[in-house]
Structure formats: structure tokens, C-alpha cells
């Protein structure tokens, strides 16, 4: 799965970063793994999706 994600990442032409969650499988079923993914995603959204000015 990591290789496939790296290949997809290489095709993106925007600011990007691949985060590997140590010990997590591709379904993030391990304790705390999904929460870490959600935290990282929330940080990305907060950085890149700014609200439109009224």
C-alpha cells in the first residue's frame, strides 16, 4: 500500500506530504491509528481550507 500511495503522491502537483502511522495497517484498525489519521487530516484542512471572506 505504501508504494501505491507514493506513486499517487508523485503525480500530485500541489503541496503534499505522505504521513506513515507507525504500526498501522491499511484499514487503521489498530488502537489510536484512526484517531491519528483524523488529527493529521484536520490539521491539513485547517492549513489549506481557509474560510471565504464575507
N, C-alpha and C. Protein backbone atom coordinates (compact mmCIF):
# COMPACT_ATOMS: atom_id res chain seq x y z
N UNK A 1 0.82 -1.19 0.00
CA UNK A 1 0.00 0.00 0.00
C UNK A 1 0.87 1.27 0.00
N UNK A 2 1.97 1.23 0.72
CA UNK A 2 2.81 2.43 0.78
C UNK A 2 3.34 2.77 -0.60
N UNK A 3 3.78 1.77 -1.34
CA UNK A 3 4.31 2.04 -2.68
C UNK A 3 3.25 2.67 -3.58
N UNK A 4 2.04 2.15 -3.52
CA UNK A 4 0.96 2.69 -4.33
C UNK A 4 0.67 4.14 -3.93
N UNK A 5 0.69 4.43 -2.63
CA UNK A 5 0.48 5.80 -2.17
C UNK A 5 1.62 6.71 -2.61
N UNK A 6 2.83 6.22 -2.59
CA UNK A 6 3.98 7.02 -3.04
C UNK A 6 3.86 7.34 -4.52
N UNK A 7 3.40 6.38 -5.31
CA UNK A 7 3.23 6.62 -6.74
C UNK A 7 2.15 7.67 -6.99
N UNK A 8 1.06 7.59 -6.25
CA UNK A 8 -0.01 8.59 -6.40
C UNK A 8 0.49 9.96 -5.95
N UNK A 9 1.23 9.99 -4.87
CA UNK A 9 1.77 11.25 -4.35
C UNK A 9 2.68 11.93 -5.37
N UNK A 10 3.48 11.15 -6.06
CA UNK A 10 4.40 11.70 -7.05
C UNK A 10 3.66 12.40 -8.19
N UNK A 11 2.43 12.01 -8.45
CA UNK A 11 1.66 12.62 -9.55
C UNK A 11 1.00 13.93 -9.17
N UNK A 12 0.86 14.17 -7.88
CA UNK A 12 0.22 15.42 -7.44
C UNK A 12 1.15 16.60 -7.68
N UNK A 13 0.61 17.70 -8.12
CA UNK A 13 1.39 18.90 -8.41
C UNK A 13 1.01 20.02 -7.45
N UNK A 14 0.83 19.66 -6.22
CA UNK A 14 0.46 20.62 -5.17
C UNK A 14 1.33 20.35 -3.94
N UNK A 15 1.21 21.21 -2.93
CA UNK A 15 1.91 20.95 -1.69
C UNK A 15 1.38 19.64 -1.11
N UNK A 16 2.28 18.76 -0.74
CA UNK A 16 1.84 17.44 -0.30
C UNK A 16 2.84 16.85 0.69
N UNK A 17 2.37 15.84 1.41
CA UNK A 17 3.23 15.12 2.34
C UNK A 17 2.57 13.79 2.64
N UNK A 18 3.34 12.73 2.60
CA UNK A 18 2.84 11.41 2.94
C UNK A 18 3.22 11.12 4.37
N UNK A 19 2.23 10.85 5.20
CA UNK A 19 2.45 10.53 6.60
C UNK A 19 2.27 9.02 6.78
N UNK A 20 3.22 8.39 7.45
CA UNK A 20 3.12 6.97 7.77
C UNK A 20 2.81 6.87 9.26
N UNK A 21 1.73 6.21 9.60
CA UNK A 21 1.37 6.00 11.00
C UNK A 21 2.06 4.71 11.45
N UNK A 22 3.05 4.81 12.34
CA UNK A 22 3.80 3.62 12.76
C UNK A 22 2.88 2.53 13.31
N UNK A 23 3.06 1.33 12.81
CA UNK A 23 2.31 0.17 13.29
C UNK A 23 0.89 0.06 12.76
N UNK A 24 0.47 0.99 11.91
CA UNK A 24 -0.91 0.95 11.40
C UNK A 24 -1.00 0.18 10.10
N UNK A 25 -2.05 -0.60 9.97
CA UNK A 25 -2.34 -1.29 8.72
C UNK A 25 -3.14 -0.38 7.80
N UNK A 26 -3.48 -0.89 6.63
CA UNK A 26 -4.15 -0.03 5.65
C UNK A 26 -5.59 0.33 6.04
N UNK A 27 -6.17 -0.37 7.00
CA UNK A 27 -7.53 -0.04 7.44
C UNK A 27 -7.53 0.75 8.75
N UNK A 28 -6.35 0.99 9.31
CA UNK A 28 -6.21 1.77 10.55
C UNK A 28 -7.04 1.20 11.69
N UNK A 29 -7.07 -0.13 11.81
CA UNK A 29 -7.85 -0.79 12.85
C UNK A 29 -7.13 -0.84 14.19
N UNK A 30 -5.84 -0.55 14.21
CA UNK A 30 -5.06 -0.61 15.43
C UNK A 30 -5.48 0.53 16.38
N UNK A 31 -5.41 0.29 17.69
CA UNK A 31 -5.81 1.32 18.66
C UNK A 31 -5.07 2.64 18.43
N UNK A 32 -5.84 3.71 18.28
CA UNK A 32 -5.28 5.04 18.12
C UNK A 32 -4.91 5.43 16.70
N UNK A 33 -4.85 4.47 15.79
CA UNK A 33 -4.40 4.77 14.42
C UNK A 33 -5.39 5.68 13.69
N UNK A 34 -6.65 5.36 13.75
CA UNK A 34 -7.64 6.18 13.04
C UNK A 34 -7.72 7.58 13.64
N UNK A 35 -7.57 7.68 14.94
CA UNK A 35 -7.58 8.99 15.60
C UNK A 35 -6.40 9.83 15.12
N UNK A 36 -5.24 9.20 14.93
CA UNK A 36 -4.06 9.93 14.43
C UNK A 36 -4.29 10.40 13.00
N UNK A 37 -4.89 9.56 12.18
CA UNK A 37 -5.20 9.96 10.80
C UNK A 37 -6.17 11.15 10.81
N UNK A 38 -7.18 11.09 11.66
CA UNK A 38 -8.14 12.19 11.76
C UNK A 38 -7.46 13.47 12.21
N UNK A 39 -6.55 13.38 13.17
CA UNK A 39 -5.83 14.56 13.65
C UNK A 39 -5.01 15.18 12.52
N UNK A 40 -4.28 14.35 11.78
CA UNK A 40 -3.46 14.85 10.68
C UNK A 40 -4.32 15.48 9.58
N UNK A 41 -5.45 14.84 9.28
CA UNK A 41 -6.36 15.39 8.26
C UNK A 41 -6.92 16.74 8.71
N UNK A 42 -7.31 16.83 9.98
CA UNK A 42 -7.86 18.09 10.49
C UNK A 42 -6.82 19.20 10.41
N UNK A 43 -5.57 18.90 10.71
CA UNK A 43 -4.50 19.90 10.58
C UNK A 43 -4.37 20.37 9.14
N UNK A 44 -4.43 19.42 8.20
CA UNK A 44 -4.32 19.78 6.78
C UNK A 44 -5.46 20.70 6.38
N UNK A 45 -6.68 20.33 6.76
CA UNK A 45 -7.84 21.16 6.41
C UNK A 45 -7.72 22.55 7.00
N UNK A 46 -7.28 22.63 8.23
CA UNK A 46 -7.13 23.94 8.89
C UNK A 46 -6.09 24.81 8.18
N UNK A 47 -5.03 24.20 7.67
CA UNK A 47 -3.98 24.94 6.97
C UNK A 47 -4.38 25.35 5.57
N UNK A 48 -5.09 24.50 4.87
CA UNK A 48 -5.30 24.71 3.43
C UNK A 48 -6.70 25.17 3.03
N UNK A 49 -7.66 25.00 3.89
CA UNK A 49 -9.03 25.43 3.55
C UNK A 49 -9.43 26.57 4.46
N UNK A 50 -9.11 27.75 4.02
CA UNK A 50 -9.45 28.93 4.80
C UNK A 50 -10.86 29.38 4.43
N UNK A 51 -11.62 29.89 5.39
CA UNK A 51 -12.98 30.33 5.07
C UNK A 51 -12.97 31.51 4.12
N UNK A 52 -13.98 31.56 3.26
CA UNK A 52 -14.13 32.68 2.34
C UNK A 52 -14.49 33.93 3.13
N UNK A 53 -13.92 35.05 2.71
CA UNK A 53 -14.23 36.31 3.38
C UNK A 53 -15.64 36.75 3.01
N UNK A 54 -16.35 37.28 3.99
CA UNK A 54 -17.74 37.72 3.76
C UNK A 54 -17.78 39.05 3.05
